[in-house]
Amino acid sequence: MRMQRLNSYLIRLLLIIGSLFAMLPIYMAVVNSLKTQGEMFQSFIALPTTLHWENYAEAFTKINLLHSSMNSAIVSFLGIGGIVLTASMAGYKLSRTSGRLSNIIFFLFVASMLVPFHSIMIPLTRMARGLSVQGSTYGLALIYIGLGVNMAIFLYHGFVKSIPRELEESAQMDGCNEFQTFFQIIFPLLLPITVTIAILDFLWIWNDFLLPLLMLTDVNNYTLILSTNMLFGEYNKEWPLILSSLVLTAIPVILIYAFFQKFIMEGIAEGAVKG
């Protein structure tokens, strides 16, 4: 009994220490965003003597927060919508279709998850230029759809297997065609995994830096992360402003992840285990 309590205390202690290490970068970002440049270089850990909230106001203006956030929101929601729509239908069809061809197609989607982005970014950039989608937020969302469907199909494919086929047979007997059966019967039952995929893809698209850097050429189309990068000058780096903008950028992501954390874990577990 004592050993069990001791093990429980040790596990809790390790979790607390791990949580403190995880929170340290957030603490340093928030604390140093409220300092002056000179005060920050004196000590990165110490609390500010005076809270410089004007750093946030200046960062808000310099990165054009509202406009950049709108660009990020357009790319995120278009990308997520396209991923959910195409991947849900593909995952459903592949899961319900037996045969070698269906297995090969599903294997190709899963295998593409192993391809690192850095190995395809140059051909992808050339292809985007050839299709005249480079420099557009809508074109960027289209590329996110292409890059994100593989994981989504994998999760949908596993989740669909838990849905009884009798539901589809009943719908067909009532006169529903395949599209009506999917959108009226099957898709509402995919809500748990759909929420999971939507949140994970939102975190990915909202925080992504490399792909917008490669695809967007006009400052007016910059996403929030890309606008923050403009604060890095060649000879001058205003770290309090940079940290302030990063904190502003991270707030929506932290709130969404904290609110939907339960759905993320449940959806991944159900989609992977049931597959």
C-alpha atoms as a PDB file:
ATOM      1  CA  MET A   1       0.000   0.000   0.000  1.00  0.00           C
ATOM      2  CA  ARG A   2       2.805   2.383   0.913  1.00  0.00           C
ATOM      3  CA  MET A   3       4.642   1.537  -2.315  1.00  0.00           C
ATOM      4  CA  GLN A   4       1.532   2.344  -4.334  1.00  0.00           C
ATOM      5  CA  ARG A   5       1.204   5.727  -2.607  1.00  0.00           C
ATOM      6  CA  LEU A   6       4.901   6.406  -3.113  1.00  0.00           C
ATOM      7  CA  ASN A   7       4.635   5.567  -6.815  1.00  0.00           C
ATOM      8  CA  SER A   8       1.571   7.795  -7.106  1.00  0.00           C
ATOM      9  CA  TYR A   9       3.437  10.721  -5.476  1.00  0.00           C
ATOM     10  CA  LEU A  10       6.469  10.193  -7.714  1.00  0.00           C
ATOM     11  CA  ILE A  11       4.297  10.156 -10.833  1.00  0.00           C
ATOM     12  CA  ARG A  12       2.552  13.339  -9.756  1.00  0.00           C
ATOM     13  CA  LEU A  13       5.897  14.980  -9.016  1.00  0.00           C
ATOM     14  CA  LEU A  14       7.235  14.048 -12.450  1.00  0.00           C
ATOM     15  CA  LEU A  15       4.059  15.367 -14.093  1.00  0.00           C
ATOM     16  CA  ILE A  16       4.362  18.653 -12.199  1.00  0.00           C
ATOM     17  CA  ILE A  17       8.019  19.022 -13.206  1.00  0.00           C
ATOM     18  CA  GLY A  18       7.146  18.217 -16.822  1.00  0.00           C
ATOM     19  CA  SER A  19       4.315  20.755 -16.764  1.00  0.00           C
ATOM     20  CA  LEU A  20       6.648  23.444 -15.419  1.00  0.00           C
ATOM     21  CA  PHE A  21       9.146  22.777 -18.202  1.00  0.00           C
ATOM     22  CA  ALA A  22       6.342  22.935 -20.753  1.00  0.00           C
ATOM     23  CA  MET A  23       5.045  26.217 -19.320  1.00  0.00           C
ATOM     24  CA  LEU A  24       8.499  27.848 -19.166  1.00  0.00           C
ATOM     25  CA  PRO A  25       8.560  29.060 -22.809  1.00  0.00           C
ATOM     26  CA  ILE A  26       5.057  30.522 -22.425  1.00  0.00           C
ATOM     27  CA  TYR A  27       6.094  32.258 -19.210  1.00  0.00           C
ATOM     28  CA  MET A  28       9.223  33.724 -20.844  1.00  0.00           C
ATOM     29  CA  ALA A  29       7.276  34.905 -23.887  1.00  0.00           C
ATOM     30  CA  VAL A  30       4.586  36.667 -21.828  1.00  0.00           C
ATOM     31  CA  VAL A  31       6.998  38.157 -19.287  1.00  0.00           C
ATOM     32  CA  ASN A  32       9.508  39.470 -21.844  1.00  0.00           C
ATOM     33  CA  SER A  33       6.753  40.854 -24.063  1.00  0.00           C
ATOM     34  CA  LEU A  34       5.990  43.317 -21.267  1.00  0.00           C
ATOM     35  CA  LYS A  35       9.578  44.598 -20.945  1.00  0.00           C
ATOM     36  CA  THR A  36      11.759  47.011 -22.827  1.00  0.00           C
ATOM     37  CA  GLN A  37      14.539  45.673 -25.029  1.00  0.00           C
ATOM     38  CA  GLY A  38      17.235  46.646 -22.520  1.00  0.00           C
ATOM     39  CA  GLU A  39      15.397  45.196 -19.535  1.00  0.00           C
ATOM     40  CA  MET A  40      14.817  41.957 -21.373  1.00  0.00           C
ATOM     41  CA  PHE A  41      18.537  41.476 -22.082  1.00  0.00           C
ATOM     42  CA  GLN A  42      19.355  42.085 -18.415  1.00  0.00           C
ATOM     43  CA  SER A  43      17.305  39.063 -17.337  1.00  0.00           C
ATOM     44  CA  PHE A  44      15.037  36.763 -19.335  1.00  0.00           C
ATOM     45  CA  ILE A  45      13.508  35.161 -16.248  1.00  0.00           C
ATOM     46  CA  ALA A  46      12.850  38.133 -13.967  1.00  0.00           C
ATOM     47  CA  LEU A  47       9.481  39.834 -13.841  1.00  0.00           C
ATOM     48  CA  PRO A  48       9.245  43.279 -15.464  1.00  0.00           C
ATOM     49  CA  THR A  49       9.618  46.281 -13.187  1.00  0.00           C
ATOM     50  CA  THR A  50       6.994  48.122 -15.254  1.00  0.00           C
ATOM     51  CA  LEU A  51       4.369  46.531 -17.471  1.00  0.00           C
ATOM     52  CA  HIS A  52       4.787  47.903 -21.004  1.00  0.00           C
ATOM     53  CA  TRP A  53       1.391  47.144 -22.502  1.00  0.00           C
ATOM     54  CA  GLU A  54       2.205  49.519 -25.340  1.00  0.00           C
ATOM     55  CA  ASN A  55       4.269  46.686 -26.841  1.00  0.00           C
ATOM     56  CA  TYR A  56       1.033  44.863 -27.639  1.00  0.00           C
ATOM     57  CA  ALA A  57      -0.545  47.975 -29.136  1.00  0.00           C
ATOM     58  CA  GLU A  58       2.492  48.563 -31.344  1.00  0.00           C
ATOM     59  CA  ALA A  59       2.670  44.901 -32.370  1.00  0.00           C
ATOM     60  CA  PHE A  60      -1.068  44.987 -33.149  1.00  0.00           C
ATOM     61  CA  THR A  61      -0.450  47.827 -35.599  1.00  0.00           C
ATOM     62  CA  LYS A  62       2.823  46.643 -37.128  1.00  0.00           C
ATOM     63  CA  ILE A  63       1.624  43.153 -38.051  1.00  0.00           C
ATOM     64  CA  ASN A  64      -1.788  44.501 -39.120  1.00  0.00           C
ATOM     65  CA  LEU A  65      -3.390  41.976 -36.795  1.00  0.00           C
ATOM     66  CA  LEU A  66      -6.988  42.192 -38.006  1.00  0.00           C
ATOM     67  CA  HIS A  67      -6.170  41.897 -41.703  1.00  0.00           C
ATOM     68  CA  SER A  68      -3.586  39.147 -41.174  1.00  0.00           C
ATOM     69  CA  SER A  69      -5.972  37.246 -38.916  1.00  0.00           C
ATOM     70  CA  MET A  70      -8.642  37.442 -41.593  1.00  0.00           C
ATOM     71  CA  ASN A  71      -6.220  35.983 -44.150  1.00  0.00           C
ATOM     72  CA  SER A  72      -5.314  33.178 -41.754  1.00  0.00           C
ATOM     73  CA  ALA A  73      -8.996  32.531 -41.051  1.00  0.00           C
ATOM     74  CA  ILE A  74      -9.852  32.363 -44.781  1.00  0.00           C
ATOM     75  CA  VAL A  75      -7.050  29.897 -45.476  1.00  0.00           C
ATOM     76  CA  SER A  76      -7.861  27.823 -42.378  1.00  0.00           C
ATOM     77  CA  PHE A  77     -11.603  27.524 -42.920  1.00  0.00           C
ATOM     78  CA  LEU A  78     -11.367  26.896 -46.674  1.00  0.00           C
ATOM     79  CA  GLY A  79      -8.657  24.315 -46.105  1.00  0.00           C
ATOM     80  CA  ILE A  80     -10.533  22.579 -43.287  1.00  0.00           C
ATOM     81  CA  GLY A  81     -13.798  22.588 -45.238  1.00  0.00           C
ATOM     82  CA  GLY A  82     -12.150  21.041 -48.277  1.00  0.00           C
ATOM     83  CA  ILE A  83     -10.302  18.429 -46.220  1.00  0.00           C
ATOM     84  CA  VAL A  84     -13.425  17.383 -44.310  1.00  0.00           C
ATOM     85  CA  LEU A  85     -15.629  17.218 -47.414  1.00  0.00           C
ATOM     86  CA  THR A  86     -13.259  15.271 -49.663  1.00  0.00           C
ATOM     87  CA  ALA A  87     -11.695  13.048 -47.005  1.00  0.00           C
ATOM     88  CA  SER A  88     -15.006  12.033 -45.424  1.00  0.00           C
ATOM     89  CA  MET A  89     -16.428  10.895 -48.761  1.00  0.00           C
ATOM     90  CA  ALA A  90     -13.197   9.162 -49.781  1.00  0.00           C
ATOM     91  CA  GLY A  91     -12.750   7.473 -46.407  1.00  0.00           C
ATOM     92  CA  TYR A  92     -16.359   6.272 -46.447  1.00  0.00           C
ATOM     93  CA  LYS A  93     -16.149   4.926 -49.996  1.00  0.00           C
ATOM     94  CA  LEU A  94     -12.807   3.178 -49.441  1.00  0.00           C
ATOM     95  CA  SER A  95     -14.026   1.663 -46.185  1.00  0.00           C
ATOM     96  CA  ARG A  96     -17.236   0.311 -47.723  1.00  0.00           C
ATOM     97  CA  THR A  97     -15.619  -0.924 -50.954  1.00  0.00           C
ATOM     98  CA  SER A  98     -13.848  -4.255 -50.716  1.00  0.00           C
ATOM     99  CA  GLY A  99     -11.266  -5.291 -53.271  1.00  0.00           C
ATOM    100  CA  ARG A 100      -7.627  -4.962 -54.206  1.00  0.00           C
ATOM    101  CA  LEU A 101      -7.994  -1.602 -55.941  1.00  0.00           C
ATOM    102  CA  SER A 102      -9.610  -0.035 -52.870  1.00  0.00           C
ATOM    103  CA  ASN A 103      -6.833  -1.393 -50.643  1.00  0.00           C
ATOM    104  CA  ILE A 104      -4.137  -0.083 -52.987  1.00  0.00           C
ATOM    105  CA  ILE A 105      -5.667   3.406 -53.094  1.00  0.00           C
ATOM    106  CA  PHE A 106      -5.975   3.485 -49.314  1.00  0.00           C
ATOM    107  CA  PHE A 107      -2.367   2.276 -48.950  1.00  0.00           C
ATOM    108  CA  LEU A 108      -1.167   5.064 -51.252  1.00  0.00           C
ATOM    109  CA  PHE A 109      -2.936   7.686 -49.134  1.00  0.00           C
ATOM    110  CA  VAL A 110      -1.442   6.266 -45.940  1.00  0.00           C
ATOM    111  CA  ALA A 111       2.024   5.921 -47.497  1.00  0.00           C
ATOM    112  CA  SER A 112       1.967   9.576 -48.553  1.00  0.00           C
ATOM    113  CA  MET A 113       1.870  10.515 -44.862  1.00  0.00           C
ATOM    114  CA  LEU A 114       5.481   9.292 -44.629  1.00  0.00           C
ATOM    115  CA  VAL A 115       6.763  11.691 -47.311  1.00  0.00           C
ATOM    116  CA  PRO A 116       8.487  14.708 -45.658  1.00  0.00           C
ATOM    117  CA  PHE A 117       7.280  18.087 -46.846  1.00  0.00           C
ATOM    118  CA  HIS A 118      10.817  19.347 -47.471  1.00  0.00           C
ATOM    119  CA  SER A 119      11.284  16.736 -50.197  1.00  0.00           C
ATOM    120  CA  ILE A 120       8.304  18.006 -52.206  1.00  0.00           C
ATOM    121  CA  MET A 121       8.310  21.747 -51.517  1.00  0.00           C
ATOM    122  CA  ILE A 122      10.288  22.694 -54.648  1.00  0.00           C
ATOM    123  CA  PRO A 123       8.119  20.643 -57.073  1.00  0.00           C
ATOM    124  CA  LEU A 124       5.051  21.884 -55.204  1.00  0.00           C
ATOM    125  CA  THR A 125       6.127  25.511 -55.666  1.00  0.00           C
ATOM    126  CA  ARG A 126       6.705  24.975 -59.381  1.00  0.00           C
ATOM    127  CA  MET A 127       3.354  23.256 -59.774  1.00  0.00           C
ATOM    128  CA  ALA A 128       1.582  26.098 -57.931  1.00  0.00           C
ATOM    129  CA  ARG A 129       3.266  28.621 -60.213  1.00  0.00           C
ATOM    130  CA  GLY A 130       2.260  26.632 -63.279  1.00  0.00           C
ATOM    131  CA  LEU A 131      -1.371  26.462 -62.103  1.00  0.00           C
ATOM    132  CA  SER A 132      -1.353  30.204 -61.307  1.00  0.00           C
ATOM    133  CA  VAL A 133      -2.343  29.661 -57.668  1.00  0.00           C
ATOM    134  CA  GLN A 134       0.869  30.958 -56.123  1.00  0.00           C
ATOM    135  CA  GLY A 135       0.380  34.230 -54.270  1.00  0.00           C
ATOM    136  CA  SER A 136      -3.313  33.645 -53.581  1.00  0.00           C
ATOM    137  CA  THR A 137      -4.850  32.772 -50.219  1.00  0.00           C
ATOM    138  CA  TYR A 138      -7.387  30.607 -52.047  1.00  0.00           C
ATOM    139  CA  GLY A 139      -4.602  28.780 -53.850  1.00  0.00           C
ATOM    140  CA  LEU A 140      -2.823  28.275 -50.531  1.00  0.00           C
ATOM    141  CA  ALA A 141      -5.999  26.746 -49.069  1.00  0.00           C
ATOM    142  CA  LEU A 142      -6.205  24.396 -52.077  1.00  0.00           C
ATOM    143  CA  ILE A 143      -2.666  23.168 -51.400  1.00  0.00           C
ATOM    144  CA  TYR A 144      -3.490  22.600 -47.733  1.00  0.00           C
ATOM    145  CA  ILE A 145      -6.412  20.432 -48.837  1.00  0.00           C
ATOM    146  CA  GLY A 146      -4.092  18.299 -50.939  1.00  0.00           C
ATOM    147  CA  LEU A 147      -1.575  17.943 -48.116  1.00  0.00           C
ATOM    148  CA  GLY A 148      -4.139  17.261 -45.390  1.00  0.00           C
ATOM    149  CA  VAL A 149      -6.483  14.684 -46.891  1.00  0.00           C
ATOM    150  CA  ASN A 150      -4.184  11.691 -46.313  1.00  0.00           C
ATOM    151  CA  MET A 151      -4.345  11.780 -42.509  1.00  0.00           C
ATOM    152  CA  ALA A 152      -8.050  12.646 -42.597  1.00  0.00           C
ATOM    153  CA  ILE A 153      -8.846   9.704 -44.895  1.00  0.00           C
ATOM    154  CA  PHE A 154      -6.933   7.389 -42.574  1.00  0.00           C
ATOM    155  CA  LEU A 155      -8.994   8.534 -39.573  1.00  0.00           C
ATOM    156  CA  TYR A 156     -12.337   8.518 -41.428  1.00  0.00           C
ATOM    157  CA  HIS A 157     -11.594   5.082 -42.886  1.00  0.00           C
ATOM    158  CA  GLY A 158     -11.181   3.606 -39.410  1.00  0.00           C
ATOM    159  CA  PHE A 159     -14.174   5.415 -37.928  1.00  0.00           C
ATOM    160  CA  VAL A 160     -16.612   4.379 -40.687  1.00  0.00           C
ATOM    161  CA  LYS A 161     -15.996   0.712 -39.872  1.00  0.00           C
ATOM    162  CA  SER A 162     -17.751   1.228 -36.533  1.00  0.00           C
ATOM    163  CA  ILE A 163     -20.991   2.308 -38.270  1.00  0.00           C
ATOM    164  CA  PRO A 164     -23.415  -0.591 -38.992  1.00  0.00           C
ATOM    165  CA  ARG A 165     -24.106  -1.236 -42.667  1.00  0.00           C
ATOM    166  CA  GLU A 166     -27.771  -1.819 -41.824  1.00  0.00           C
ATOM    167  CA  LEU A 167     -28.270   1.955 -41.602  1.00  0.00           C
ATOM    168  CA  GLU A 168     -27.250   2.376 -45.236  1.00  0.00           C
ATOM    169  CA  GLU A 169     -29.372  -0.568 -46.352  1.00  0.00           C
ATOM    170  CA  SER A 170     -32.409   0.916 -44.612  1.00  0.00           C
ATOM    171  CA  ALA A 171     -31.808   4.282 -46.242  1.00  0.00           C
ATOM    172  CA  GLN A 172     -31.512   2.692 -49.686  1.00  0.00           C
ATOM    173  CA  MET A 173     -34.764   0.806 -49.121  1.00  0.00           C
ATOM    174  CA  ASP A 174     -36.408   4.153 -48.365  1.00  0.00           C
ATOM    175  CA  GLY A 175     -35.272   5.448 -51.742  1.00  0.00           C
ATOM    176  CA  CYS A 176     -32.089   7.355 -50.841  1.00  0.00           C
ATOM    177  CA  ASN A 177     -29.294   7.402 -53.391  1.00  0.00           C
ATOM    178  CA  GLU A 178     -25.642   7.091 -52.364  1.00  0.00           C
ATOM    179  CA  PHE A 179     -25.097  10.811 -51.828  1.00  0.00           C
ATOM    180  CA  GLN A 180     -28.275  11.187 -49.773  1.00  0.00           C
ATOM    181  CA  THR A 181     -27.310   8.170 -47.691  1.00  0.00           C
ATOM    182  CA  PHE A 182     -23.899   9.622 -46.968  1.00  0.00           C
ATOM    183  CA  PHE A 183     -24.879  13.218 -46.184  1.00  0.00           C
ATOM    184  CA  GLN A 184     -28.145  12.484 -44.338  1.00  0.00           C
ATOM    185  CA  ILE A 185     -27.254   9.251 -42.506  1.00  0.00           C
ATOM    186  CA  ILE A 186     -23.490   8.660 -42.361  1.00  0.00           C
ATOM    187  CA  PHE A 187     -21.941  12.127 -42.155  1.00  0.00           C
ATOM    188  CA  PRO A 188     -23.835  13.195 -38.981  1.00  0.00           C
ATOM    189  CA  LEU A 189     -22.498  10.049 -37.286  1.00  0.00           C
ATOM    190  CA  LEU A 190     -18.955  11.122 -38.190  1.00  0.00           C
ATOM    191  CA  LEU A 191     -19.180  14.226 -35.989  1.00  0.00           C
ATOM    192  CA  PRO A 192     -16.637  13.095 -33.313  1.00  0.00           C
ATOM    193  CA  ILE A 193     -13.871  12.360 -35.800  1.00  0.00           C
ATOM    194  CA  THR A 194     -14.830  15.387 -37.915  1.00  0.00           C
ATOM    195  CA  VAL A 195     -14.357  17.700 -34.924  1.00  0.00           C
ATOM    196  CA  THR A 196     -10.994  16.085 -34.216  1.00  0.00           C
ATOM    197  CA  ILE A 197      -9.785  16.474 -37.793  1.00  0.00           C
ATOM    198  CA  ALA A 198     -11.030  20.069 -37.996  1.00  0.00           C
ATOM    199  CA  ILE A 199      -9.230  21.121 -34.809  1.00  0.00           C
ATOM    200  CA  LEU A 200      -5.960  19.358 -35.648  1.00  0.00           C
ATOM    201  CA  ASP A 201      -5.937  20.860 -39.126  1.00  0.00           C
ATOM    202  CA  PHE A 202      -6.767  24.302 -37.722  1.00  0.00           C
ATOM    203  CA  LEU A 203      -3.771  24.097 -35.382  1.00  0.00           C
ATOM    204  CA  TRP A 204      -1.587  22.998 -38.298  1.00  0.00           C
ATOM    205  CA  ILE A 205      -2.741  25.601 -40.834  1.00  0.00           C
ATOM    206  CA  TRP A 206      -2.941  28.527 -38.409  1.00  0.00           C
ATOM    207  CA  ASN A 207       0.585  27.921 -37.058  1.00  0.00           C
ATOM    208  CA  ASP A 208       2.243  26.959 -40.342  1.00  0.00           C
ATOM    209  CA  PHE A 209       5.023  29.222 -41.550  1.00  0.00           C
ATOM    210  CA  LEU A 210       6.941  27.471 -44.333  1.00  0.00           C
ATOM    211  CA  LEU A 211       4.149  26.875 -46.845  1.00  0.00           C
ATOM    212  CA  PRO A 212       2.761  30.460 -46.697  1.00  0.00           C
ATOM    213  CA  LEU A 213       6.352  31.716 -47.021  1.00  0.00           C
ATOM    214  CA  LEU A 214       6.762  29.716 -50.231  1.00  0.00           C
ATOM    215  CA  MET A 215       3.345  30.480 -51.714  1.00  0.00           C
ATOM    216  CA  LEU A 216       2.427  34.045 -50.734  1.00  0.00           C
ATOM    217  CA  THR A 217       4.203  36.899 -52.480  1.00  0.00           C
ATOM    218  CA  ASP A 218       1.937  39.872 -51.700  1.00  0.00           C
ATOM    219  CA  VAL A 219       2.143  41.460 -48.244  1.00  0.00           C
ATOM    220  CA  ASN A 220      -1.615  42.050 -48.302  1.00  0.00           C
ATOM    221  CA  ASN A 221      -2.179  38.283 -48.447  1.00  0.00           C
ATOM    222  CA  TYR A 222       0.203  37.421 -45.603  1.00  0.00           C
ATOM    223  CA  THR A 223      -1.092  35.153 -42.866  1.00  0.00           C
ATOM    224  CA  LEU A 224      -0.656  36.085 -39.216  1.00  0.00           C
ATOM    225  CA  ILE A 225       2.498  34.030 -38.719  1.00  0.00           C
ATOM    226  CA  LEU A 226       4.037  35.443 -41.881  1.00  0.00           C
ATOM    227  CA  SER A 227       3.223  39.010 -40.829  1.00  0.00           C
ATOM    228  CA  THR A 228       4.944  38.380 -37.499  1.00  0.00           C
ATOM    229  CA  ASN A 229       8.074  37.368 -39.380  1.00  0.00           C
ATOM    230  CA  MET A 230       8.271  40.879 -40.839  1.00  0.00           C
ATOM    231  CA  LEU A 231       9.363  42.130 -37.404  1.00  0.00           C
ATOM    232  CA  PHE A 232      12.673  40.309 -37.864  1.00  0.00           C
ATOM    233  CA  GLY A 233      14.909  42.925 -39.484  1.00  0.00           C
ATOM    234  CA  GLU A 234      18.314  42.230 -41.004  1.00  0.00           C
ATOM    235  CA  TYR A 235      20.164  44.350 -38.461  1.00  0.00           C
ATOM    236  CA  ASN A 236      17.527  44.989 -35.817  1.00  0.00           C
ATOM    237  CA  LYS A 237      15.218  42.609 -33.979  1.00  0.00           C
ATOM    238  CA  GLU A 238      12.626  44.153 -31.689  1.00  0.00           C
ATOM    239  CA  TRP A 239      12.201  41.196 -29.375  1.00  0.00           C
ATOM    240  CA  PRO A 240       9.498  42.643 -27.090  1.00  0.00           C
ATOM    241  CA  LEU A 241       7.334  43.381 -30.157  1.00  0.00           C
ATOM    242  CA  ILE A 242       8.087  39.969 -31.651  1.00  0.00           C
ATOM    243  CA  LEU A 243       7.122  38.217 -28.428  1.00  0.00           C
ATOM    244  CA  SER A 244       4.000  40.364 -28.110  1.00  0.00           C
ATOM    245  CA  SER A 245       2.884  39.425 -31.623  1.00  0.00           C
ATOM    246  CA  LEU A 246       3.598  35.749 -30.963  1.00  0.00           C
ATOM    247  CA  VAL A 247       1.474  35.860 -27.824  1.00  0.00           C
ATOM    248  CA  LEU A 248      -1.369  37.498 -29.774  1.00  0.00           C
ATOM    249  CA  THR A 249      -1.013  34.866 -32.491  1.00  0.00           C
ATOM    250  CA  ALA A 250      -1.064  31.974 -30.018  1.00  0.00           C
ATOM    251  CA  ILE A 251      -4.131  33.077 -28.036  1.00  0.00           C
ATOM    252  CA  PRO A 252      -6.788  31.724 -30.491  1.00  0.00           C
ATOM    253  CA  VAL A 253      -4.929  28.426 -30.849  1.00  0.00           C
ATOM    254  CA  ILE A 254      -4.558  27.943 -27.093  1.00  0.00           C
ATOM    255  CA  LEU A 255      -8.220  28.730 -26.451  1.00  0.00           C
ATOM    256  CA  ILE A 256      -9.487  26.403 -29.157  1.00  0.00           C
ATOM    257  CA  TYR A 257      -7.198  23.551 -28.129  1.00  0.00           C
ATOM    258  CA  ALA A 258      -8.065  23.940 -24.448  1.00  0.00           C
ATOM    259  CA  PHE A 259     -11.801  23.955 -25.184  1.00  0.00           C
ATOM    260  CA  PHE A 260     -11.791  21.000 -27.601  1.00  0.00           C
ATOM    261  CA  GLN A 261      -8.981  18.943 -26.056  1.00  0.00           C
ATOM    262  CA  LYS A 262     -11.368  16.184 -24.965  1.00  0.00           C
ATOM    263  CA  PHE A 263     -12.785  15.784 -28.472  1.00  0.00           C
ATOM    264  CA  ILE A 264      -9.299  15.638 -30.003  1.00  0.00           C
ATOM    265  CA  MET A 265      -8.122  12.741 -27.847  1.00  0.00           C
ATOM    266  CA  GLU A 266     -11.388  10.811 -28.121  1.00  0.00           C
ATOM    267  CA  GLY A 267     -11.627  11.239 -31.875  1.00  0.00           C
ATOM    268  CA  ILE A 268      -8.057  10.103 -32.528  1.00  0.00           C
ATOM    269  CA  ALA A 269      -8.467   7.067 -30.264  1.00  0.00           C
ATOM    270  CA  GLU A 270     -11.760   6.027 -31.885  1.00  0.00           C
ATOM    271  CA  GLY A 271     -10.588   6.600 -35.435  1.00  0.00           C
ATOM    272  CA  ALA A 272      -7.325   4.697 -34.967  1.00  0.00           C
ATOM    273  CA  VAL A 273      -8.445   1.824 -32.724  1.00  0.00           C
ATOM    274  CA  LYS A 274     -11.663   1.042 -34.617  1.00  0.00           C
ATOM    275  CA  GLY A 275      -9.716   0.908 -37.847  1.00  0.00           C
END
